[in-house]
PDB file of N, CA and C in Angstrom:
ATOM      1  N   MET A   1     -20.122 156.747 -65.317  1.00  0.00           N
ATOM      2  CA  MET A   1     -19.369 156.270 -66.764  1.00  0.00           C
ATOM      3  C   MET A   1     -17.927 157.180 -67.296  1.00  0.00           C
ATOM      4  N   PHE A   2     -16.942 156.626 -68.070  1.00  0.00           N
ATOM      5  CA  PHE A   2     -16.121 157.263 -68.146  1.00  0.00           C
ATOM      6  C   PHE A   2     -15.677 158.106 -69.521  1.00  0.00           C
ATOM      7  N   ASN A   3     -14.735 159.056 -69.120  1.00  0.00           N
ATOM      8  CA  ASN A   3     -15.536 160.216 -70.378  1.00  0.00           C
ATOM      9  C   ASN A   3     -14.418 160.682 -71.243  1.00  0.00           C
ATOM     10  N   LYS A   4     -14.247 160.552 -72.190  1.00  0.00           N
ATOM     11  CA  LYS A   4     -13.318 160.183 -73.249  1.00  0.00           C
ATOM     12  C   LYS A   4     -12.512 161.220 -73.851  1.00  0.00           C
ATOM     13  N   ASP A   5     -12.971 162.667 -72.972  1.00  0.00           N
ATOM     14  CA  ASP A   5     -13.135 164.118 -73.497  1.00  0.00           C
ATOM     15  C   ASP A   5     -11.795 165.093 -72.754  1.00  0.00           C
ATOM     16  N   HIS A   6     -11.141 165.681 -73.268  1.00  0.00           N
ATOM     17  CA  HIS A   6     -10.431 166.671 -71.780  1.00  0.00           C
ATOM     18  C   HIS A   6     -10.452 168.030 -72.863  1.00  0.00           C
ATOM     19  N   TYR A   7     -10.730 168.982 -71.780  1.00  0.00           N
ATOM     20  CA  TYR A   7     -10.719 169.872 -72.148  1.00  0.00           C
ATOM     21  C   TYR A   7      -9.309 171.303 -71.662  1.00  0.00           C
ATOM     22  N   HIS A   8      -9.134 171.633 -72.550  1.00  0.00           N
ATOM     23  CA  HIS A   8      -7.817 172.860 -72.198  1.00  0.00           C
ATOM     24  C   HIS A   8      -8.098 174.323 -72.496  1.00  0.00           C
ATOM     25  N   PHE A   9      -8.267 174.973 -71.230  1.00  0.00           N
ATOM     26  CA  PHE A   9      -8.199 176.366 -71.730  1.00  0.00           C
ATOM     27  C   PHE A   9      -7.172 177.047 -71.714  1.00  0.00           C
ATOM     28  N   ILE A  10      -7.122 178.040 -72.831  1.00  0.00           N
ATOM     29  CA  ILE A  10      -6.291 179.148 -72.603  1.00  0.00           C
ATOM     30  C   ILE A  10      -6.674 180.125 -72.571  1.00  0.00           C
ATOM     31  N   GLY A  11      -6.212 181.010 -71.359  1.00  0.00           N
ATOM     32  CA  GLY A  11      -6.777 182.087 -70.856  1.00  0.00           C
ATOM     33  C   GLY A  11      -8.208 181.800 -69.577  1.00  0.00           C
ATOM     34  N   LEU A  12      -7.988 180.409 -69.059  1.00  0.00           N
ATOM     35  CA  LEU A  12      -8.843 179.966 -67.983  1.00  0.00           C
ATOM     36  C   LEU A  12      -9.721 180.944 -67.012  1.00  0.00           C
ATOM     37  N   GLY A  13      -8.703 182.010 -66.831  1.00  0.00           N
ATOM     38  CA  GLY A  13      -9.203 182.737 -64.904  1.00  0.00           C
ATOM     39  C   GLY A  13     -10.179 184.001 -65.595  1.00  0.00           C
ATOM     40  N   GLY A  14     -10.571 184.305 -67.014  1.00  0.00           N
ATOM     41  CA  GLY A  14     -11.848 184.671 -66.775  1.00  0.00           C
ATOM     42  C   GLY A  14     -13.587 184.635 -66.630  1.00  0.00           C
ATOM     43  N   ILE A  15     -14.157 185.540 -66.285  1.00  0.00           N
ATOM     44  CA  ILE A  15     -15.636 185.055 -66.088  1.00  0.00           C
ATOM     45  C   ILE A  15     -16.231 183.954 -67.106  1.00  0.00           C
ATOM     46  N   GLY A  16     -16.090 184.240 -68.080  1.00  0.00           N
ATOM     47  CA  GLY A  16     -16.634 183.167 -69.244  1.00  0.00           C
ATOM     48  C   GLY A  16     -16.232 181.463 -69.291  1.00  0.00           C
ATOM     49  N   MET A  17     -14.859 181.997 -69.634  1.00  0.00           N
ATOM     50  CA  MET A  17     -14.143 179.984 -69.872  1.00  0.00           C
ATOM     51  C   MET A  17     -14.158 180.186 -68.503  1.00  0.00           C
ATOM     52  N   SER A  18     -13.887 180.433 -67.082  1.00  0.00           N
ATOM     53  CA  SER A  18     -13.938 179.878 -65.954  1.00  0.00           C
ATOM     54  C   SER A  18     -15.567 179.103 -65.415  1.00  0.00           C
ATOM     55  N   GLY A  19     -16.468 179.738 -66.060  1.00  0.00           N
ATOM     56  CA  GLY A  19     -17.611 179.073 -65.993  1.00  0.00           C
ATOM     57  C   GLY A  19     -18.157 177.888 -66.910  1.00  0.00           C
ATOM     58  N   ILE A  20     -17.507 178.030 -67.629  1.00  0.00           N
ATOM     59  CA  ILE A  20     -17.849 176.714 -68.820  1.00  0.00           C
ATOM     60  C   ILE A  20     -17.091 175.397 -68.059  1.00  0.00           C
ATOM     61  N   ALA A  21     -15.584 175.764 -67.523  1.00  0.00           N
ATOM     62  CA  ALA A  21     -14.725 174.733 -66.743  1.00  0.00           C
ATOM     63  C   ALA A  21     -15.532 173.897 -65.704  1.00  0.00           C
ATOM     64  N   LEU A  22     -15.735 174.959 -65.508  1.00  0.00           N
ATOM     65  CA  LEU A  22     -16.241 174.863 -63.664  1.00  0.00           C
ATOM     66  C   LEU A  22     -18.088 173.503 -64.623  1.00  0.00           C
ATOM     67  N   ALA A  23     -18.518 174.229 -65.226  1.00  0.00           N
ATOM     68  CA  ALA A  23     -19.843 173.154 -65.781  1.00  0.00           C
ATOM     69  C   ALA A  23     -19.105 172.055 -66.082  1.00  0.00           C
ATOM     70  N   LEU A  24     -18.207 171.973 -67.104  1.00  0.00           N
ATOM     71  CA  LEU A  24     -17.567 170.413 -67.437  1.00  0.00           C
ATOM     72  C   LEU A  24     -17.377 169.628 -66.374  1.00  0.00           C
ATOM     73  N   LEU A  25     -16.311 170.513 -65.412  1.00  0.00           N
ATOM     74  CA  LEU A  25     -16.364 169.794 -64.120  1.00  0.00           C
ATOM     75  C   LEU A  25     -17.167 168.952 -63.960  1.00  0.00           C
ATOM     76  N   LYS A  26     -18.136 169.994 -63.693  1.00  0.00           N
ATOM     77  CA  LYS A  26     -19.272 168.936 -63.036  1.00  0.00           C
ATOM     78  C   LYS A  26     -20.387 168.406 -63.389  1.00  0.00           C
ATOM     79  N   LYS A  27     -19.709 168.187 -65.158  1.00  0.00           N
ATOM     80  CA  LYS A  27     -20.308 167.024 -65.624  1.00  0.00           C
ATOM     81  C   LYS A  27     -19.641 166.066 -65.967  1.00  0.00           C
ATOM     82  N   GLY A  28     -18.479 165.617 -65.467  1.00  0.00           N
ATOM     83  CA  GLY A  28     -18.124 164.940 -65.393  1.00  0.00           C
ATOM     84  C   GLY A  28     -16.713 164.458 -66.442  1.00  0.00           C
ATOM     85  N   PHE A  29     -16.673 165.900 -66.855  1.00  0.00           N
ATOM     86  CA  PHE A  29     -15.249 166.214 -67.648  1.00  0.00           C
ATOM     87  C   PHE A  29     -14.113 166.194 -66.839  1.00  0.00           C
ATOM     88  N   SER A  30     -13.187 165.929 -67.645  1.00  0.00           N
ATOM     89  CA  SER A  30     -11.766 166.395 -67.190  1.00  0.00           C
ATOM     90  C   SER A  30     -11.170 167.958 -67.779  1.00  0.00           C
ATOM     91  N   VAL A  31     -10.384 168.350 -66.992  1.00  0.00           N
ATOM     92  CA  VAL A  31     -10.655 169.849 -67.581  1.00  0.00           C
ATOM     93  C   VAL A  31      -9.085 170.468 -67.058  1.00  0.00           C
ATOM     94  N   SER A  32      -8.967 171.231 -68.279  1.00  0.00           N
ATOM     95  CA  SER A  32      -7.139 171.568 -67.052  1.00  0.00           C
ATOM     96  C   SER A  32      -7.246 173.043 -68.045  1.00  0.00           C
ATOM     97  N   GLY A  33      -6.454 174.018 -67.543  1.00  0.00           N
ATOM     98  CA  GLY A  33      -6.806 175.461 -68.131  1.00  0.00           C
ATOM     99  C   GLY A  33      -4.996 176.185 -67.792  1.00  0.00           C
ATOM    100  N   SER A  34      -4.909 176.946 -68.389  1.00  0.00           N
ATOM    101  CA  SER A  34      -3.775 178.147 -67.753  1.00  0.00           C
ATOM    102  C   SER A  34      -4.019 179.813 -68.406  1.00  0.00           C
ATOM    103  N   ASP A  35      -3.300 180.579 -67.181  1.00  0.00           N
ATOM    104  CA  ASP A  35      -3.908 181.760 -66.867  1.00  0.00           C
ATOM    105  C   ASP A  35      -2.553 182.680 -66.263  1.00  0.00           C
ATOM    106  N   ILE A  36      -2.300 183.863 -66.517  1.00  0.00           N
ATOM    107  CA  ILE A  36      -0.837 184.653 -66.005  1.00  0.00           C
ATOM    108  C   ILE A  36      -1.535 184.958 -64.512  1.00  0.00           C
ATOM    109  N   THR A  37      -2.846 184.978 -64.372  1.00  0.00           N
ATOM    110  CA  THR A  37      -3.163 185.877 -63.392  1.00  0.00           C
ATOM    111  C   THR A  37      -3.834 185.052 -62.587  1.00  0.00           C
ATOM    112  N   LYS A  38      -3.674 184.704 -61.147  1.00  0.00           N
ATOM    113  CA  LYS A  38      -4.270 184.243 -60.219  1.00  0.00           C
ATOM    114  C   LYS A  38      -5.656 184.973 -59.714  1.00  0.00           C
ATOM    115  N   ASN A  39      -6.462 184.150 -59.803  1.00  0.00           N
ATOM    116  CA  ASN A  39      -8.337 184.404 -58.992  1.00  0.00           C
ATOM    117  C   ASN A  39      -8.975 183.414 -58.344  1.00  0.00           C
ATOM    118  N   ASP A  40      -9.729 184.146 -57.556  1.00  0.00           N
ATOM    119  CA  ASP A  40     -10.703 183.211 -57.277  1.00  0.00           C
ATOM    120  C   ASP A  40     -10.825 182.060 -57.879  1.00  0.00           C
ATOM    121  N   ARG A  41     -11.524 182.110 -58.991  1.00  0.00           N
ATOM    122  CA  ARG A  41     -12.014 181.265 -59.922  1.00  0.00           C
ATOM    123  C   ARG A  41     -11.796 179.944 -59.904  1.00  0.00           C
ATOM    124  N   LEU A  42      -9.554 180.734 -59.951  1.00  0.00           N
ATOM    125  CA  LEU A  42      -8.630 179.447 -60.774  1.00  0.00           C
ATOM    126  C   LEU A  42      -9.020 178.367 -59.361  1.00  0.00           C
ATOM    127  N   MET A  43      -8.919 178.895 -58.608  1.00  0.00           N
ATOM    128  CA  MET A  43      -8.935 178.124 -57.036  1.00  0.00           C
ATOM    129  C   MET A  43     -10.235 176.935 -56.757  1.00  0.00           C
ATOM    130  N   GLU A  44     -11.342 178.263 -57.532  1.00  0.00           N
ATOM    131  CA  GLU A  44     -12.191 177.097 -57.227  1.00  0.00           C
ATOM    132  C   GLU A  44     -12.472 175.813 -58.520  1.00  0.00           C
ATOM    133  N   ILE A  45     -11.621 176.291 -59.451  1.00  0.00           N
ATOM    134  CA  ILE A  45     -11.660 175.383 -60.784  1.00  0.00           C
ATOM    135  C   ILE A  45     -10.505 174.229 -59.914  1.00  0.00           C
ATOM    136  N   SER A  46      -9.376 174.718 -59.451  1.00  0.00           N
ATOM    137  CA  SER A  46      -8.419 173.537 -58.879  1.00  0.00           C
ATOM    138  C   SER A  46      -8.776 173.038 -57.782  1.00  0.00           C
ATOM    139  N   LYS A  47     -10.145 172.959 -57.479  1.00  0.00           N
ATOM    140  CA  LYS A  47     -11.180 172.684 -55.999  1.00  0.00           C
ATOM    141  C   LYS A  47     -11.908 171.167 -56.191  1.00  0.00           C
ATOM    142  N   ASN A  48     -12.654 172.051 -57.674  1.00  0.00           N
ATOM    143  CA  ASN A  48     -13.189 170.724 -58.251  1.00  0.00           C
ATOM    144  C   ASN A  48     -12.766 170.001 -58.774  1.00  0.00           C
ATOM    145  N   GLY A  49     -10.803 169.705 -58.858  1.00  0.00           N
ATOM    146  CA  GLY A  49     -10.687 168.891 -59.923  1.00  0.00           C
ATOM    147  C   GLY A  49      -9.388 169.166 -61.098  1.00  0.00           C
ATOM    148  N   GLY A  50      -9.895 170.566 -61.186  1.00  0.00           N
ATOM    149  CA  GLY A  50      -8.895 170.896 -62.733  1.00  0.00           C
ATOM    150  C   GLY A  50      -7.905 171.026 -62.020  1.00  0.00           C
ATOM    151  N   ILE A  51      -6.886 171.157 -63.694  1.00  0.00           N
ATOM    152  CA  ILE A  51      -5.418 171.084 -63.434  1.00  0.00           C
ATOM    153  C   ILE A  51      -5.430 172.679 -63.750  1.00  0.00           C
ATOM    154  N   VAL A  52      -4.484 173.552 -62.952  1.00  0.00           N
ATOM    155  CA  VAL A  52      -4.599 175.021 -63.013  1.00  0.00           C
ATOM    156  C   VAL A  52      -3.133 174.876 -63.750  1.00  0.00           C
ATOM    157  N   PHE A  53      -2.570 175.985 -64.380  1.00  0.00           N
ATOM    158  CA  PHE A  53      -1.298 176.074 -65.320  1.00  0.00           C
ATOM    159  C   PHE A  53      -1.103 177.582 -64.471  1.00  0.00           C
ATOM    160  N   ASN A  54      -0.381 177.998 -63.893  1.00  0.00           N
ATOM    161  CA  ASN A  54      -0.097 180.008 -63.860  1.00  0.00           C
ATOM    162  C   ASN A  54       0.982 180.144 -64.748  1.00  0.00           C
ATOM    163  N   THR A  55       0.935 179.880 -66.206  1.00  0.00           N
ATOM    164  CA  THR A  55       2.353 180.154 -66.601  1.00  0.00           C
ATOM    165  C   THR A  55       1.291 179.645 -68.330  1.00  0.00           C
ATOM    166  N   GLN A  56       1.896 180.580 -69.258  1.00  0.00           N
ATOM    167  CA  GLN A  56       1.171 179.762 -71.060  1.00  0.00           C
ATOM    168  C   GLN A  56       2.423 179.276 -71.848  1.00  0.00           C
ATOM    169  N   GLN A  57       2.584 178.352 -71.468  1.00  0.00           N
ATOM    170  CA  GLN A  57       4.026 177.687 -71.993  1.00  0.00           C
ATOM    171  C   GLN A  57       3.983 176.436 -72.401  1.00  0.00           C
ATOM    172  N   PRO A  58       4.397 176.098 -73.509  1.00  0.00           N
ATOM    173  CA  PRO A  58       4.105 174.815 -74.370  1.00  0.00           C
ATOM    174  C   PRO A  58       4.273 173.612 -73.094  1.00  0.00           C
ATOM    175  N   LYS A  59       5.319 173.647 -72.610  1.00  0.00           N
ATOM    176  CA  LYS A  59       5.068 172.342 -71.413  1.00  0.00           C
ATOM    177  C   LYS A  59       3.889 171.834 -71.001  1.00  0.00           C
ATOM    178  N   ASN A  60       2.875 173.320 -70.380  1.00  0.00           N
ATOM    179  CA  ASN A  60       1.537 172.862 -70.074  1.00  0.00           C
ATOM    180  C   ASN A  60       0.887 171.330 -70.987  1.00  0.00           C
ATOM    181  N   ILE A  61       0.868 172.243 -72.306  1.00  0.00           N
ATOM    182  CA  ILE A  61       0.675 170.973 -73.262  1.00  0.00           C
ATOM    183  C   ILE A  61       0.918 169.756 -73.049  1.00  0.00           C
ATOM    184  N   ASP A  62       2.148 169.570 -73.214  1.00  0.00           N
ATOM    185  CA  ASP A  62       2.877 168.360 -73.184  1.00  0.00           C
ATOM    186  C   ASP A  62       2.812 167.685 -71.923  1.00  0.00           C
ATOM    187  N   LEU A  63       2.677 168.645 -70.914  1.00  0.00           N
ATOM    188  CA  LEU A  63       1.864 167.588 -69.407  1.00  0.00           C
ATOM    189  C   LEU A  63       0.567 166.979 -69.858  1.00  0.00           C
ATOM    190  N   ILE A  64      -0.444 168.046 -69.996  1.00  0.00           N
ATOM    191  CA  ILE A  64      -1.623 167.221 -70.440  1.00  0.00           C
ATOM    192  C   ILE A  64      -1.968 166.117 -71.338  1.00  0.00           C
ATOM    193  N   LYS A  65      -0.997 166.369 -72.839  1.00  0.00           N
ATOM    194  CA  LYS A  65      -0.852 165.211 -73.493  1.00  0.00           C
ATOM    195  C   LYS A  65      -0.649 164.106 -72.977  1.00  0.00           C
ATOM    196  N   LYS A  66       0.438 163.952 -71.754  1.00  0.00           N
ATOM    197  CA  LYS A  66       0.826 162.703 -71.465  1.00  0.00           C
ATOM    198  C   LYS A  66      -0.021 162.189 -70.562  1.00  0.00           C
ATOM    199  N   LYS A  67      -0.467 163.287 -69.358  1.00  0.00           N
ATOM    200  CA  LYS A  67      -1.919 162.546 -68.269  1.00  0.00           C
ATOM    201  C   LYS A  67      -2.621 161.917 -69.002  1.00  0.00           C
ATOM    202  N   PHE A  68      -3.619 162.521 -70.229  1.00  0.00           N
ATOM    203  CA  PHE A  68      -4.667 162.307 -70.694  1.00  0.00           C
ATOM    204  C   PHE A  68      -4.951 161.400 -72.008  1.00  0.00           C
ATOM    205  N   HIS A  69      -3.161 161.017 -72.746  1.00  0.00           N
ATOM    206  CA  HIS A  69      -3.169 160.888 -73.775  1.00  0.00           C
ATOM    207  C   HIS A  69      -4.003 159.337 -74.163  1.00  0.00           C
ATOM    208  N   ASN A  70      -5.117 158.753 -72.960  1.00  0.00           N
ATOM    209  CA  ASN A  70      -5.931 158.289 -73.764  1.00  0.00           C
ATOM    210  C   ASN A  70      -7.235 159.098 -73.633  1.00  0.00           C
ATOM    211  N   LYS A  71      -7.671 160.667 -73.681  1.00  0.00           N
ATOM    212  CA  LYS A  71      -8.581 161.141 -74.430  1.00  0.00           C
ATOM    213  C   LYS A  71      -8.383 162.127 -75.521  1.00  0.00           C
ATOM    214  N   LYS A  72      -9.445 162.478 -76.223  1.00  0.00           N
ATOM    215  CA  LYS A  72      -9.205 163.417 -77.196  1.00  0.00           C
ATOM    216  C   LYS A  72      -9.540 164.989 -76.568  1.00  0.00           C
ATOM    217  N   ILE A  73      -8.259 166.205 -76.620  1.00  0.00           N
ATOM    218  CA  ILE A  73      -8.255 167.009 -76.212  1.00  0.00           C
ATOM    219  C   ILE A  73      -9.020 167.864 -76.662  1.00  0.00           C
ATOM    220  N   THR A  74      -9.638 168.701 -76.072  1.00  0.00           N
ATOM    221  CA  THR A  74      -9.968 169.796 -77.071  1.00  0.00           C
ATOM    222  C   THR A  74      -9.582 171.364 -76.446  1.00  0.00           C
ATOM    223  N   ILE A  75      -8.934 172.074 -77.709  1.00  0.00           N
ATOM    224  CA  ILE A  75      -8.189 173.516 -76.561  1.00  0.00           C
ATOM    225  C   ILE A  75      -9.054 174.735 -77.087  1.00  0.00           C
ATOM    226  N   VAL A  76      -9.651 175.051 -75.990  1.00  0.00           N
ATOM    227  CA  VAL A  76     -10.254 176.418 -75.566  1.00  0.00           C
ATOM    228  C   VAL A  76      -9.696 177.923 -75.541  1.00  0.00           C
ATOM    229  N   ILE A  77      -9.943 178.594 -76.769  1.00  0.00           N
ATOM    230  CA  ILE A  77      -8.926 179.492 -76.000  1.00  0.00           C
ATOM    231  C   ILE A  77     -10.093 180.911 -76.252  1.00  0.00           C
ATOM    232  N   SER A  78      -9.409 181.581 -75.035  1.00  0.00           N
ATOM    233  CA  SER A  78     -10.354 182.934 -74.661  1.00  0.00           C
ATOM    234  C   SER A  78      -9.751 183.929 -75.911  1.00  0.00           C
ATOM    235  N   SER A  79     -10.646 184.838 -75.981  1.00  0.00           N
ATOM    236  CA  SER A  79     -11.037 186.095 -77.145  1.00  0.00           C
ATOM    237  C   SER A  79      -9.857 187.108 -76.640  1.00  0.00           C
ATOM    238  N   ALA A  80      -9.361 186.980 -75.095  1.00  0.00           N
ATOM    239  CA  ALA A  80      -8.324 187.635 -74.871  1.00  0.00           C
ATOM    240  C   ALA A  80      -6.908 187.492 -75.060  1.00  0.00           C
ATOM    241  N   ILE A  81      -6.797 186.296 -75.720  1.00  0.00           N
ATOM    242  CA  ILE A  81      -5.455 185.372 -75.997  1.00  0.00           C
ATOM    243  C   ILE A  81      -5.268 185.794 -77.407  1.00  0.00           C
ATOM    244  N   ASN A  82      -3.799 186.427 -77.688  1.00  0.00           N
ATOM    245  CA  ASN A  82      -3.656 186.674 -78.855  1.00  0.00           C
ATOM    246  C   ASN A  82      -2.271 186.157 -79.349  1.00  0.00           C
ATOM    247  N   ASN A  83      -2.416 186.124 -80.538  1.00  0.00           N
ATOM    248  CA  ASN A  83      -1.831 185.427 -81.530  1.00  0.00           C
ATOM    249  C   ASN A  83      -0.238 184.862 -81.373  1.00  0.00           C
ATOM    250  N   LYS A  84      -0.033 186.017 -80.519  1.00  0.00           N
ATOM    251  CA  LYS A  84       1.319 185.569 -80.321  1.00  0.00           C
ATOM    252  C   LYS A  84       1.959 184.524 -78.814  1.00  0.00           C
ATOM    253  N   ASN A  85       0.944 184.184 -78.235  1.00  0.00           N
ATOM    254  CA  ASN A  85       0.637 183.498 -77.320  1.00  0.00           C
ATOM    255  C   ASN A  85       1.459 182.120 -77.193  1.00  0.00           C
ATOM    256  N   LYS A  86       2.688 182.004 -76.657  1.00  0.00           N
ATOM    257  CA  LYS A  86       3.638 180.777 -76.899  1.00  0.00           C
ATOM    258  C   LYS A  86       2.213 179.155 -76.892  1.00  0.00           C
ATOM    259  N   GLU A  87       1.988 179.165 -76.024  1.00  0.00           N
ATOM    260  CA  GLU A  87       1.180 177.841 -75.835  1.00  0.00           C
ATOM    261  C   GLU A  87       0.051 177.698 -76.893  1.00  0.00           C
ATOM    262  N   LEU A  88      -0.865 178.668 -77.310  1.00  0.00           N
ATOM    263  CA  LEU A  88      -1.851 178.596 -78.636  1.00  0.00           C
ATOM    264  C   LEU A  88      -0.339 178.038 -79.767  1.00  0.00           C
ATOM    265  N   ASN A  89       0.772 178.962 -79.992  1.00  0.00           N
ATOM    266  CA  ASN A  89       0.780 178.621 -81.189  1.00  0.00           C
ATOM    267  C   ASN A  89       1.970 177.489 -81.204  1.00  0.00           C
ATOM    268  N   TYR A  90       2.404 176.846 -79.918  1.00  0.00           N
ATOM    269  CA  TYR A  90       2.642 175.326 -79.574  1.00  0.00           C
ATOM    270  C   TYR A  90       1.619 174.513 -80.487  1.00  0.00           C
ATOM    271  N   CYS A  91       0.274 174.544 -79.809  1.00  0.00           N
ATOM    272  CA  CYS A  91      -0.914 173.513 -80.030  1.00  0.00           C
ATOM    273  C   CYS A  91      -1.182 173.812 -81.457  1.00  0.00           C
ATOM    274  N   LEU A  92      -1.256 174.834 -82.671  1.00  0.00           N
ATOM    275  CA  LEU A  92      -1.363 175.049 -83.474  1.00  0.00           C
ATOM    276  C   LEU A  92      -0.525 174.537 -84.613  1.00  0.00           C
ATOM    277  N   ASP A  93       0.631 174.402 -84.270  1.00  0.00           N
ATOM    278  CA  ASP A  93       1.839 173.456 -84.839  1.00  0.00           C
ATOM    279  C   ASP A  93       1.861 172.392 -84.522  1.00  0.00           C
ATOM    280  N   HIS A  94       1.179 172.085 -83.571  1.00  0.00           N
ATOM    281  CA  HIS A  94       1.662 170.132 -83.274  1.00  0.00           C
ATOM    282  C   HIS A  94      -0.403 169.849 -83.598  1.00  0.00           C
ATOM    283  N   ASN A  95      -0.981 170.475 -84.393  1.00  0.00           N
ATOM    284  CA  ASN A  95      -2.379 170.333 -84.631  1.00  0.00           C
ATOM    285  C   ASN A  95      -3.034 169.861 -83.516  1.00  0.00           C
TER     286      ASN A  95
END
């Protein structure tokens, strides 16, 4: 089954966000995300087919939009992300 949804997590490395991302991957959804801290959860997501960025920059969103241009992209934001986050603000500015 071809899934038309992609999920991008800003603040992917936390226990809650990474758990949701792994569950989505196992259900066949495409997943990407960013976090400024490296940890084992991010490695696990990558091993399961997720795309992990080690920065939180607007270019991450541009890359995801190009790669998944045929999918609906949903941005998921960790509660640890503040309103000064460049990646988040880029998403808000570009709908």
